[in-house]
Amino acid sequence: MPYGARRIRPHGDFLLHDLGPSRADPAPEPGPELAPGEWPTAPLWGLGHAYAVGGERGSWLHDGPARRLTEATLWHGGTAQPARDAFAALGPADRAALIFYLDGL
């Protein structure tokens, strides 16, 4: 199948998000489009391969400080606070199911 005919589902919104004051490091590429604490959403495809590439320690968030998806999710704030709170409110089985799904991307 030619490359141009392939269908992809990128699992990402490709938007800039304010992650709140706890993640307000200087923008990776300073400019008028990125403010401190504002980061582009990373694409979610290939998450299941991250441990194979990064070893036991994953590389989550904009600069890789989180070791697990759960940790990365719980460190969000700002415009991501409602999603973070919804994730935190999940029961253990639902949280595990969501992480299992993400690891399969």
PDB file of N, CA and C in Angstrom:
ATOM      1  N   MET A   1       0.851  -1.174   0.000  1.00  0.00           N
ATOM      2  CA  MET A   1       0.000   0.000   0.000  1.00  0.00           C
ATOM      3  C   MET A   1       0.900   1.241   0.000  1.00  0.00           C
ATOM      4  N   PRO A   2       0.689   2.180  -0.888  1.00  0.00           N
ATOM      5  CA  PRO A   2       1.504   3.396  -0.923  1.00  0.00           C
ATOM      6  C   PRO A   2       1.343   4.199   0.363  1.00  0.00           C
ATOM      7  N   TYR A   3       2.409   4.860   0.748  1.00  0.00           N
ATOM      8  CA  TYR A   3       2.394   5.625   2.006  1.00  0.00           C
ATOM      9  C   TYR A   3       1.224   6.598   2.064  1.00  0.00           C
ATOM     10  N   GLY A   4       0.934   7.313   1.009  1.00  0.00           N
ATOM     11  CA  GLY A   4      -0.131   8.303   1.001  1.00  0.00           C
ATOM     12  C   GLY A   4      -1.517   7.722   1.206  1.00  0.00           C
ATOM     13  N   ALA A   5      -1.691   6.418   1.009  1.00  0.00           N
ATOM     14  CA  ALA A   5      -2.999   5.792   1.135  1.00  0.00           C
ATOM     15  C   ALA A   5      -3.224   5.211   2.532  1.00  0.00           C
ATOM     16  N   ARG A   6      -2.240   5.302   3.406  1.00  0.00           N
ATOM     17  CA  ARG A   6      -2.383   4.714   4.737  1.00  0.00           C
ATOM     18  C   ARG A   6      -3.191   5.624   5.652  1.00  0.00           C
ATOM     19  N   ARG A   7      -3.938   4.992   6.511  1.00  0.00           N
ATOM     20  CA  ARG A   7      -4.743   5.723   7.479  1.00  0.00           C
ATOM     21  C   ARG A   7      -4.067   5.616   8.841  1.00  0.00           C
ATOM     22  N   ILE A   8      -3.928   6.737   9.516  1.00  0.00           N
ATOM     23  CA  ILE A   8      -3.361   6.710  10.860  1.00  0.00           C
ATOM     24  C   ILE A   8      -4.372   7.296  11.834  1.00  0.00           C
ATOM     25  N   ARG A   9      -4.260   6.893  13.066  1.00  0.00           N
ATOM     26  CA  ARG A   9      -5.056   7.449  14.159  1.00  0.00           C
ATOM     27  C   ARG A   9      -4.053   7.892  15.223  1.00  0.00           C
ATOM     28  N   PRO A  10      -3.689   9.155  15.229  1.00  0.00           N
ATOM     29  CA  PRO A  10      -2.558   9.602  16.034  1.00  0.00           C
ATOM     30  C   PRO A  10      -2.767   9.657  17.537  1.00  0.00           C
ATOM     31  N   HIS A  11      -3.979   9.582  18.041  1.00  0.00           N
ATOM     32  CA  HIS A  11      -4.221   9.636  19.483  1.00  0.00           C
ATOM     33  C   HIS A  11      -3.528  10.836  20.126  1.00  0.00           C
ATOM     34  N   GLY A  12      -3.870  12.001  19.702  1.00  0.00           N
ATOM     35  CA  GLY A  12      -3.340  13.217  20.288  1.00  0.00           C
ATOM     36  C   GLY A  12      -4.144  14.400  19.797  1.00  0.00           C
ATOM     37  N   ASP A  13      -4.097  15.498  20.529  1.00  0.00           N
ATOM     38  CA  ASP A  13      -4.854  16.663  20.076  1.00  0.00           C
ATOM     39  C   ASP A  13      -3.952  17.721  19.431  1.00  0.00           C
ATOM     40  N   PHE A  14      -2.644  17.592  19.583  1.00  0.00           N
ATOM     41  CA  PHE A  14      -1.668  18.468  18.940  1.00  0.00           C
ATOM     42  C   PHE A  14      -1.884  19.944  19.297  1.00  0.00           C
ATOM     43  N   LEU A  15      -2.382  20.188  20.487  1.00  0.00           N
ATOM     44  CA  LEU A  15      -2.611  21.542  20.960  1.00  0.00           C
ATOM     45  C   LEU A  15      -1.559  21.924  21.991  1.00  0.00           C
ATOM     46  N   LEU A  16      -1.491  23.202  22.306  1.00  0.00           N
ATOM     47  CA  LEU A  16      -0.653  23.685  23.396  1.00  0.00           C
ATOM     48  C   LEU A  16      -1.501  23.726  24.661  1.00  0.00           C
ATOM     49  N   HIS A  17      -0.936  23.265  25.774  1.00  0.00           N
ATOM     50  CA  HIS A  17      -1.664  23.238  27.032  1.00  0.00           C
ATOM     51  C   HIS A  17      -0.827  23.876  28.124  1.00  0.00           C
ATOM     52  N   ASP A  18      -1.488  24.642  28.970  1.00  0.00           N
ATOM     53  CA  ASP A  18      -0.870  25.191  30.171  1.00  0.00           C
ATOM     54  C   ASP A  18      -0.937  24.097  31.223  1.00  0.00           C
ATOM     55  N   LEU A  19       0.215  23.569  31.633  1.00  0.00           N
ATOM     56  CA  LEU A  19       0.246  22.473  32.599  1.00  0.00           C
ATOM     57  C   LEU A  19       0.287  22.959  34.040  1.00  0.00           C
ATOM     58  N   GLY A  20       0.210  24.266  34.240  1.00  0.00           N
ATOM     59  CA  GLY A  20       0.174  24.811  35.590  1.00  0.00           C
ATOM     60  C   GLY A  20       1.548  25.182  36.101  1.00  0.00           C
ATOM     61  N   PRO A  21       1.591  25.855  37.253  1.00  0.00           N
ATOM     62  CA  PRO A  21       2.853  26.386  37.772  1.00  0.00           C
ATOM     63  C   PRO A  21       3.896  25.318  38.108  1.00  0.00           C
ATOM     64  N   SER A  22       3.476  24.109  38.444  1.00  0.00           N
ATOM     65  CA  SER A  22       4.464  23.077  38.790  1.00  0.00           C
ATOM     66  C   SER A  22       5.267  22.618  37.572  1.00  0.00           C
ATOM     67  N   ARG A  23       4.764  22.856  36.372  1.00  0.00           N
ATOM     68  CA  ARG A  23       5.466  22.470  35.147  1.00  0.00           C
ATOM     69  C   ARG A  23       5.883  23.703  34.357  1.00  0.00           C
ATOM     70  N   ALA A  24       6.033  24.852  35.018  1.00  0.00           N
ATOM     71  CA  ALA A  24       6.301  26.115  34.335  1.00  0.00           C
ATOM     72  C   ALA A  24       7.783  26.329  34.043  1.00  0.00           C
ATOM     73  N   ASP A  25       8.448  25.304  33.552  1.00  0.00           N
ATOM     74  CA  ASP A  25       9.828  25.458  33.092  1.00  0.00           C
ATOM     75  C   ASP A  25       9.817  26.354  31.866  1.00  0.00           C
ATOM     76  N   PRO A  26      10.954  26.929  31.528  1.00  0.00           N
ATOM     77  CA  PRO A  26      10.982  27.716  30.284  1.00  0.00           C
ATOM     78  C   PRO A  26      10.595  26.845  29.092  1.00  0.00           C
ATOM     79  N   ALA A  27       9.937  27.449  28.141  1.00  0.00           N
ATOM     80  CA  ALA A  27       9.525  26.729  26.937  1.00  0.00           C
ATOM     81  C   ALA A  27      10.741  26.169  26.222  1.00  0.00           C
ATOM     82  N   PRO A  28      10.621  24.982  25.586  1.00  0.00           N
ATOM     83  CA  PRO A  28      11.759  24.358  24.916  1.00  0.00           C
ATOM     84  C   PRO A  28      12.291  25.184  23.754  1.00  0.00           C
ATOM     85  N   GLU A  29      11.423  25.880  23.072  1.00  0.00           N
ATOM     86  CA  GLU A  29      11.822  26.736  21.965  1.00  0.00           C
ATOM     87  C   GLU A  29      11.128  28.070  22.181  1.00  0.00           C
ATOM     88  N   PRO A  30      11.776  28.967  22.951  1.00  0.00           N
ATOM     89  CA  PRO A  30      11.101  30.222  23.293  1.00  0.00           C
ATOM     90  C   PRO A  30      10.598  30.953  22.058  1.00  0.00           C
ATOM     91  N   GLY A  31       9.475  31.547  22.207  1.00  0.00           N
ATOM     92  CA  GLY A  31       8.882  32.309  21.122  1.00  0.00           C
ATOM     93  C   GLY A  31       7.514  32.769  21.537  1.00  0.00           C
ATOM     94  N   PRO A  32       6.881  33.584  20.748  1.00  0.00           N
ATOM     95  CA  PRO A  32       5.574  34.108  21.138  1.00  0.00           C
ATOM     96  C   PRO A  32       4.489  33.043  21.231  1.00  0.00           C
ATOM     97  N   GLU A  33       4.706  31.878  20.599  1.00  0.00           N
ATOM     98  CA  GLU A  33       3.673  30.846  20.624  1.00  0.00           C
ATOM     99  C   GLU A  33       3.754  29.948  21.853  1.00  0.00           C
ATOM    100  N   LEU A  34       4.866  29.978  22.614  1.00  0.00           N
ATOM    101  CA  LEU A  34       4.997  29.141  23.805  1.00  0.00           C
ATOM    102  C   LEU A  34       5.315  30.009  25.021  1.00  0.00           C
ATOM    103  N   ALA A  35       4.488  29.913  26.042  1.00  0.00           N
ATOM    104  CA  ALA A  35       4.712  30.621  27.294  1.00  0.00           C
ATOM    105  C   ALA A  35       5.256  29.632  28.320  1.00  0.00           C
ATOM    106  N   PRO A  36       5.897  30.103  29.394  1.00  0.00           N
ATOM    107  CA  PRO A  36       6.349  29.180  30.447  1.00  0.00           C
ATOM    108  C   PRO A  36       5.179  28.341  30.957  1.00  0.00           C
ATOM    109  N   GLY A  37       5.387  27.058  31.068  1.00  0.00           N
ATOM    110  CA  GLY A  37       4.351  26.142  31.524  1.00  0.00           C
ATOM    111  C   GLY A  37       3.425  25.668  30.426  1.00  0.00           C
ATOM    112  N   GLU A  38       3.618  26.137  29.219  1.00  0.00           N
ATOM    113  CA  GLU A  38       2.780  25.740  28.090  1.00  0.00           C
ATOM    114  C   GLU A  38       3.577  24.790  27.208  1.00  0.00           C
ATOM    115  N   TRP A  39       2.975  23.642  26.944  1.00  0.00           N
ATOM    116  CA  TRP A  39       3.690  22.597  26.205  1.00  0.00           C
ATOM    117  C   TRP A  39       2.780  21.971  25.168  1.00  0.00           C
ATOM    118  N   PRO A  40       3.347  21.560  24.027  1.00  0.00           N
ATOM    119  CA  PRO A  40       2.539  20.831  23.046  1.00  0.00           C
ATOM    120  C   PRO A  40       2.254  19.418  23.556  1.00  0.00           C
ATOM    121  N   THR A  41       1.079  18.932  23.275  1.00  0.00           N
ATOM    122  CA  THR A  41       0.729  17.562  23.645  1.00  0.00           C
ATOM    123  C   THR A  41       1.578  16.598  22.833  1.00  0.00           C
ATOM    124  N   ALA A  42       2.206  15.678  23.524  1.00  0.00           N
ATOM    125  CA  ALA A  42       2.984  14.645  22.831  1.00  0.00           C
ATOM    126  C   ALA A  42       2.015  13.657  22.190  1.00  0.00           C
ATOM    127  N   PRO A  43       2.340  13.143  21.013  1.00  0.00           N
ATOM    128  CA  PRO A  43       1.477  12.107  20.432  1.00  0.00           C
ATOM    129  C   PRO A  43       1.519  10.862  21.310  1.00  0.00           C
ATOM    130  N   LEU A  44       0.422  10.149  21.370  1.00  0.00           N
ATOM    131  CA  LEU A  44       0.333   8.991  22.253  1.00  0.00           C
ATOM    132  C   LEU A  44       0.620   7.670  21.560  1.00  0.00           C
ATOM    133  N   TRP A  45       0.776   7.671  20.232  1.00  0.00           N
ATOM    134  CA  TRP A  45       1.061   6.395  19.570  1.00  0.00           C
ATOM    135  C   TRP A  45       2.451   5.926  19.985  1.00  0.00           C
ATOM    136  N   GLY A  46       2.619   4.641  20.085  1.00  0.00           N
ATOM    137  CA  GLY A  46       3.916   4.059  20.435  1.00  0.00           C
ATOM    138  C   GLY A  46       4.226   4.023  21.916  1.00  0.00           C
ATOM    139  N   LEU A  47       3.281   4.363  22.783  1.00  0.00           N
ATOM    140  CA  LEU A  47       3.558   4.345  24.216  1.00  0.00           C
ATOM    141  C   LEU A  47       4.006   2.968  24.691  1.00  0.00           C
ATOM    142  N   GLY A  48       3.444   1.934  24.125  1.00  0.00           N
ATOM    143  CA  GLY A  48       3.800   0.581  24.537  1.00  0.00           C
ATOM    144  C   GLY A  48       5.246   0.230  24.267  1.00  0.00           C
ATOM    145  N   HIS A  49       5.893   0.968  23.377  1.00  0.00           N
ATOM    146  CA  HIS A  49       7.296   0.699  23.065  1.00  0.00           C
ATOM    147  C   HIS A  49       8.255   1.548  23.891  1.00  0.00           C
ATOM    148  N   ALA A  50       7.728   2.471  24.665  1.00  0.00           N
ATOM    149  CA  ALA A  50       8.585   3.416  25.399  1.00  0.00           C
ATOM    150  C   ALA A  50       9.514   2.711  26.377  1.00  0.00           C
ATOM    151  N   TYR A  51       9.042   1.671  27.041  1.00  0.00           N
ATOM    152  CA  TYR A  51       9.899   0.979  28.004  1.00  0.00           C
ATOM    153  C   TYR A  51      11.002   0.204  27.293  1.00  0.00           C
ATOM    154  N   ALA A  52      10.710  -0.296  26.097  1.00  0.00           N
ATOM    155  CA  ALA A  52      11.744  -0.989  25.329  1.00  0.00           C
ATOM    156  C   ALA A  52      12.859  -0.025  24.935  1.00  0.00           C
ATOM    157  N   VAL A  53      12.489   1.219  24.646  1.00  0.00           N
ATOM    158  CA  VAL A  53      13.471   2.220  24.239  1.00  0.00           C
ATOM    159  C   VAL A  53      14.136   2.844  25.450  1.00  0.00           C
ATOM    160  N   GLY A  54      13.346   3.182  26.471  1.00  0.00           N
ATOM    161  CA  GLY A  54      13.864   3.903  27.626  1.00  0.00           C
ATOM    162  C   GLY A  54      14.239   3.028  28.796  1.00  0.00           C
ATOM    163  N   GLY A  55      14.113   1.723  28.667  1.00  0.00           N
ATOM    164  CA  GLY A  55      14.424   0.833  29.770  1.00  0.00           C
ATOM    165  C   GLY A  55      13.342   0.894  30.832  1.00  0.00           C
ATOM    166  N   GLU A  56      13.696   0.600  32.055  1.00  0.00           N
ATOM    167  CA  GLU A  56      12.735   0.594  33.156  1.00  0.00           C
ATOM    168  C   GLU A  56      12.137   1.971  33.375  1.00  0.00           C
ATOM    169  N   ARG A  57      12.918   3.001  33.156  1.00  0.00           N
ATOM    170  CA  ARG A  57      12.443   4.364  33.363  1.00  0.00           C
ATOM    171  C   ARG A  57      11.868   4.904  32.061  1.00  0.00           C
ATOM    172  N   GLY A  58      10.620   5.263  32.095  1.00  0.00           N
ATOM    173  CA  GLY A  58      10.006   5.884  30.933  1.00  0.00           C
ATOM    174  C   GLY A  58      10.481   7.319  30.804  1.00  0.00           C
ATOM    175  N   SER A  59      10.072   7.973  29.790  1.00  0.00           N
ATOM    176  CA  SER A  59      10.424   9.361  29.557  1.00  0.00           C
ATOM    177  C   SER A  59       9.143  10.131  29.299  1.00  0.00           C
ATOM    178  N   TRP A  60       8.460  10.482  30.365  1.00  0.00           N
ATOM    179  CA  TRP A  60       7.155  11.092  30.253  1.00  0.00           C
ATOM    180  C   TRP A  60       7.201  12.562  30.619  1.00  0.00           C
ATOM    181  N   LEU A  61       6.266  13.296  30.115  1.00  0.00           N
ATOM    182  CA  LEU A  61       6.150  14.745  30.204  1.00  0.00           C
ATOM    183  C   LEU A  61       7.141  15.379  29.240  1.00  0.00           C
ATOM    184  N   HIS A  62       7.145  16.674  29.173  1.00  0.00           N
ATOM    185  CA  HIS A  62       7.925  17.385  28.159  1.00  0.00           C
ATOM    186  C   HIS A  62       9.421  17.139  28.256  1.00  0.00           C
ATOM    187  N   ASP A  63       9.950  16.968  29.458  1.00  0.00           N
ATOM    188  CA  ASP A  63      11.395  16.799  29.615  1.00  0.00           C
ATOM    189  C   ASP A  63      11.764  15.475  30.271  1.00  0.00           C
ATOM    190  N   GLY A  64      10.823  14.549  30.352  1.00  0.00           N
ATOM    191  CA  GLY A  64      11.110  13.191  30.791  1.00  0.00           C
ATOM    192  C   GLY A  64      11.273  12.935  32.275  1.00  0.00           C
ATOM    193  N   PRO A  65      10.725  13.734  33.203  1.00  0.00           N
ATOM    194  CA  PRO A  65      10.962  13.462  34.615  1.00  0.00           C
ATOM    195  C   PRO A  65      10.106  12.340  35.207  1.00  0.00           C
ATOM    196  N   ALA A  66       8.978  12.040  34.588  1.00  0.00           N
ATOM    197  CA  ALA A  66       8.081  11.022  35.135  1.00  0.00           C
ATOM    198  C   ALA A  66       8.508   9.637  34.661  1.00  0.00           C
ATOM    199  N   ARG A  67       8.431   8.660  35.567  1.00  0.00           N
ATOM    200  CA  ARG A  67       8.851   7.303  35.225  1.00  0.00           C
ATOM    201  C   ARG A  67       7.715   6.442  34.715  1.00  0.00           C
ATOM    202  N   ARG A  68       6.489   6.804  35.015  1.00  0.00           N
ATOM    203  CA  ARG A  68       5.323   6.008  34.635  1.00  0.00           C
ATOM    204  C   ARG A  68       4.225   6.934  34.115  1.00  0.00           C
ATOM    205  N   LEU A  69       3.304   6.374  33.341  1.00  0.00           N
ATOM    206  CA  LEU A  69       2.183   7.161  32.834  1.00  0.00           C
ATOM    207  C   LEU A  69       1.321   7.704  33.970  1.00  0.00           C
ATOM    208  N   THR A  70       1.138   6.908  35.017  1.00  0.00           N
ATOM    209  CA  THR A  70       0.349   7.368  36.152  1.00  0.00           C
ATOM    210  C   THR A  70       0.975   8.615  36.767  1.00  0.00           C
ATOM    211  N   GLU A  71       2.266   8.577  36.969  1.00  0.00           N
ATOM    212  CA  GLU A  71       2.981   9.715  37.543  1.00  0.00           C
ATOM    213  C   GLU A  71       2.862  10.945  36.640  1.00  0.00           C
ATOM    214  N   ALA A  72       3.057  10.763  35.360  1.00  0.00           N
ATOM    215  CA  ALA A  72       2.962  11.876  34.418  1.00  0.00           C
ATOM    216  C   ALA A  72       1.564  12.483  34.433  1.00  0.00           C
ATOM    217  N   THR A  73       0.546  11.660  34.465  1.00  0.00           N
ATOM    218  CA  THR A  73      -0.823  12.153  34.470  1.00  0.00           C
ATOM    219  C   THR A  73      -1.119  12.950  35.738  1.00  0.00           C
ATOM    220  N   LEU A  74      -0.673  12.447  36.867  1.00  0.00           N
ATOM    221  CA  LEU A  74      -0.959  13.106  38.140  1.00  0.00           C
ATOM    222  C   LEU A  74      -0.166  14.398  38.332  1.00  0.00           C
ATOM    223  N   TRP A  75       0.866  14.637  37.546  1.00  0.00           N
ATOM    224  CA  TRP A  75       1.647  15.874  37.632  1.00  0.00           C
ATOM    225  C   TRP A  75       1.042  17.001  36.803  1.00  0.00           C
ATOM    226  N   HIS A  76      -0.008  16.731  36.058  1.00  0.00           N
ATOM    227  CA  HIS A  76      -0.618  17.782  35.250  1.00  0.00           C
ATOM    228  C   HIS A  76      -1.433  18.742  36.104  1.00  0.00           C
ATOM    229  N   GLY A  77      -1.495  19.965  35.658  1.00  0.00           N
ATOM    230  CA  GLY A  77      -2.301  21.000  36.298  1.00  0.00           C
ATOM    231  C   GLY A  77      -2.826  21.913  35.212  1.00  0.00           C
ATOM    232  N   GLY A  78      -3.088  23.154  35.558  1.00  0.00           N
ATOM    233  CA  GLY A  78      -3.530  24.127  34.566  1.00  0.00           C
ATOM    234  C   GLY A  78      -4.768  23.661  33.832  1.00  0.00           C
ATOM    235  N   THR A  79      -4.756  23.778  32.510  1.00  0.00           N
ATOM    236  CA  THR A  79      -5.920  23.386  31.715  1.00  0.00           C
ATOM    237  C   THR A  79      -6.153  21.876  31.750  1.00  0.00           C
ATOM    238  N   ALA A  80      -5.151  21.102  32.167  1.00  0.00           N
ATOM    239  CA  ALA A  80      -5.281  19.648  32.251  1.00  0.00           C
ATOM    240  C   ALA A  80      -5.796  19.186  33.614  1.00  0.00           C
ATOM    241  N   GLN A  81      -6.023  20.107  34.543  1.00  0.00           N
ATOM    242  CA  GLN A  81      -6.449  19.739  35.898  1.00  0.00           C
ATOM    243  C   GLN A  81      -7.727  18.898  35.917  1.00  0.00           C
ATOM    244  N   PRO A  82      -8.762  19.233  35.140  1.00  0.00           N
ATOM    245  CA  PRO A  82      -9.968  18.380  35.168  1.00  0.00           C
ATOM    246  C   PRO A  82      -9.692  16.934  34.717  1.00  0.00           C
ATOM    247  N   ALA A  83      -8.881  16.760  33.689  1.00  0.00           N
ATOM    248  CA  ALA A  83      -8.545  15.402  33.244  1.00  0.00           C
ATOM    249  C   ALA A  83      -7.711  14.691  34.301  1.00  0.00           C
ATOM    250  N   ARG A  84      -6.787  15.411  34.922  1.00  0.00           N
ATOM    251  CA  ARG A  84      -5.959  14.842  35.988  1.00  0.00           C
ATOM    252  C   ARG A  84      -6.845  14.390  37.148  1.00  0.00           C
ATOM    253  N   ASP A  85      -7.803  15.238  37.539  1.00  0.00           N
ATOM    254  CA  ASP A  85      -8.689  14.911  38.648  1.00  0.00           C
ATOM    255  C   ASP A  85      -9.582  13.716  38.323  1.00  0.00           C
ATOM    256  N   ALA A  86     -10.052  13.632  37.075  1.00  0.00           N
ATOM    257  CA  ALA A  86     -10.873  12.488  36.663  1.00  0.00           C
ATOM    258  C   ALA A  86     -10.060  11.203  36.728  1.00  0.00           C
ATOM    259  N   PHE A  87      -8.800  11.267  36.303  1.00  0.00           N
ATOM    260  CA  PHE A  87      -7.929  10.099  36.371  1.00  0.00           C
ATOM    261  C   PHE A  87      -7.689   9.705  37.831  1.00  0.00           C
ATOM    262  N   ALA A  88      -7.422  10.692  38.681  1.00  0.00           N
ATOM    263  CA  ALA A  88      -7.163  10.420  40.098  1.00  0.00           C
ATOM    264  C   ALA A  88      -8.381   9.802  40.779  1.00  0.00           C
ATOM    265  N   ALA A  89      -9.579  10.140  40.315  1.00  0.00           N
ATOM    266  CA  ALA A  89     -10.809   9.627  40.918  1.00  0.00           C
ATOM    267  C   ALA A  89     -11.155   8.203  40.471  1.00  0.00           C
ATOM    268  N   LEU A  90     -10.479   7.700  39.443  1.00  0.00           N
ATOM    269  CA  LEU A  90     -10.759   6.344  38.977  1.00  0.00           C
ATOM    270  C   LEU A  90     -10.405   5.322  40.052  1.00  0.00           C
ATOM    271  N   GLY A  91     -11.166   4.262  40.108  1.00  0.00           N
ATOM    272  CA  GLY A  91     -10.824   3.156  40.996  1.00  0.00           C
ATOM    273  C   GLY A  91      -9.620   2.399  40.435  1.00  0.00           C
ATOM    274  N   PRO A  92      -8.996   1.562  41.245  1.00  0.00           N
ATOM    275  CA  PRO A  92      -7.796   0.839  40.802  1.00  0.00           C
ATOM    276  C   PRO A  92      -7.999   0.028  39.522  1.00  0.00           C
ATOM    277  N   ALA A  93      -9.133  -0.644  39.382  1.00  0.00           N
ATOM    278  CA  ALA A  93      -9.358  -1.473  38.190  1.00  0.00           C
ATOM    279  C   ALA A  93      -9.509  -0.604  36.943  1.00  0.00           C
ATOM    280  N   ASP A  94     -10.248   0.496  37.046  1.00  0.00           N
ATOM    281  CA  ASP A  94     -10.428   1.382  35.894  1.00  0.00           C
ATOM    282  C   ASP A  94      -9.113   2.068  35.521  1.00  0.00           C
ATOM    283  N   ARG A  95      -8.355   2.484  36.514  1.00  0.00           N
ATOM    284  CA  ARG A  95      -7.057   3.113  36.234  1.00  0.00           C
ATOM    285  C   ARG A  95      -6.129   2.118  35.547  1.00  0.00           C
ATOM    286  N   ALA A  96      -6.086   0.892  36.038  1.00  0.00           N
ATOM    287  CA  ALA A  96      -5.243  -0.145  35.427  1.00  0.00           C
ATOM    288  C   ALA A  96      -5.689  -0.436  33.996  1.00  0.00           C
ATOM    289  N   ALA A  97      -7.000  -0.452  33.754  1.00  0.00           N
ATOM    290  CA  ALA A  97      -7.507  -0.696  32.399  1.00  0.00           C
ATOM    291  C   ALA A  97      -7.098   0.430  31.450  1.00  0.00           C
ATOM    292  N   LEU A  98      -7.151   1.669  31.915  1.00  0.00           N
ATOM    293  CA  LEU A  98      -6.748   2.796  31.082  1.00  0.00           C
ATOM    294  C   LEU A  98      -5.255   2.730  30.765  1.00  0.00           C
ATOM    295  N   ILE A  99      -4.425   2.454  31.748  1.00  0.00           N
ATOM    296  CA  ILE A  99      -2.979   2.338  31.513  1.00  0.00           C
ATOM    297  C   ILE A  99      -2.690   1.185  30.581  1.00  0.00           C
ATOM    298  N   PHE A 100      -3.402   0.069  30.729  1.00  0.00           N
ATOM    299  CA  PHE A 100      -3.233  -1.072  29.821  1.00  0.00           C
ATOM    300  C   PHE A 100      -3.548  -0.662  28.394  1.00  0.00           C
ATOM    301  N   TYR A 101      -4.639   0.083  28.203  1.00  0.00           N
ATOM    302  CA  TYR A 101      -5.012   0.558  26.879  1.00  0.00           C
ATOM    303  C   TYR A 101      -3.914   1.452  26.299  1.00  0.00           C
ATOM    304  N   LEU A 102      -3.441   2.411  27.078  1.00  0.00           N
ATOM    305  CA  LEU A 102      -2.402   3.325  26.601  1.00  0.00           C
ATOM    306  C   LEU A 102      -1.113   2.584  26.259  1.00  0.00           C
ATOM    307  N   ASP A 103      -0.760   1.594  27.064  1.00  0.00           N
ATOM    308  CA  ASP A 103       0.449   0.805  26.773  1.00  0.00           C
ATOM    309  C   ASP A 103       0.320   0.019  25.481  1.00  0.00           C
ATOM    310  N   GLY A 104      -0.897  -0.190  25.009  1.00  0.00           N
ATOM    311  CA  GLY A 104      -1.114  -0.921  23.764  1.00  0.00           C
ATOM    312  C   GLY A 104      -1.082  -0.059  22.522  1.00  0.00           C
ATOM    313  N   LEU A 105      -0.960   1.248  22.694  1.00  0.00           N
ATOM    314  CA  LEU A 105      -0.943   2.127  21.525  1.00  0.00           C
ATOM    315  C   LEU A 105       0.374   2.029  20.786  1.00  0.00           C
TER     316      LEU A 105
END
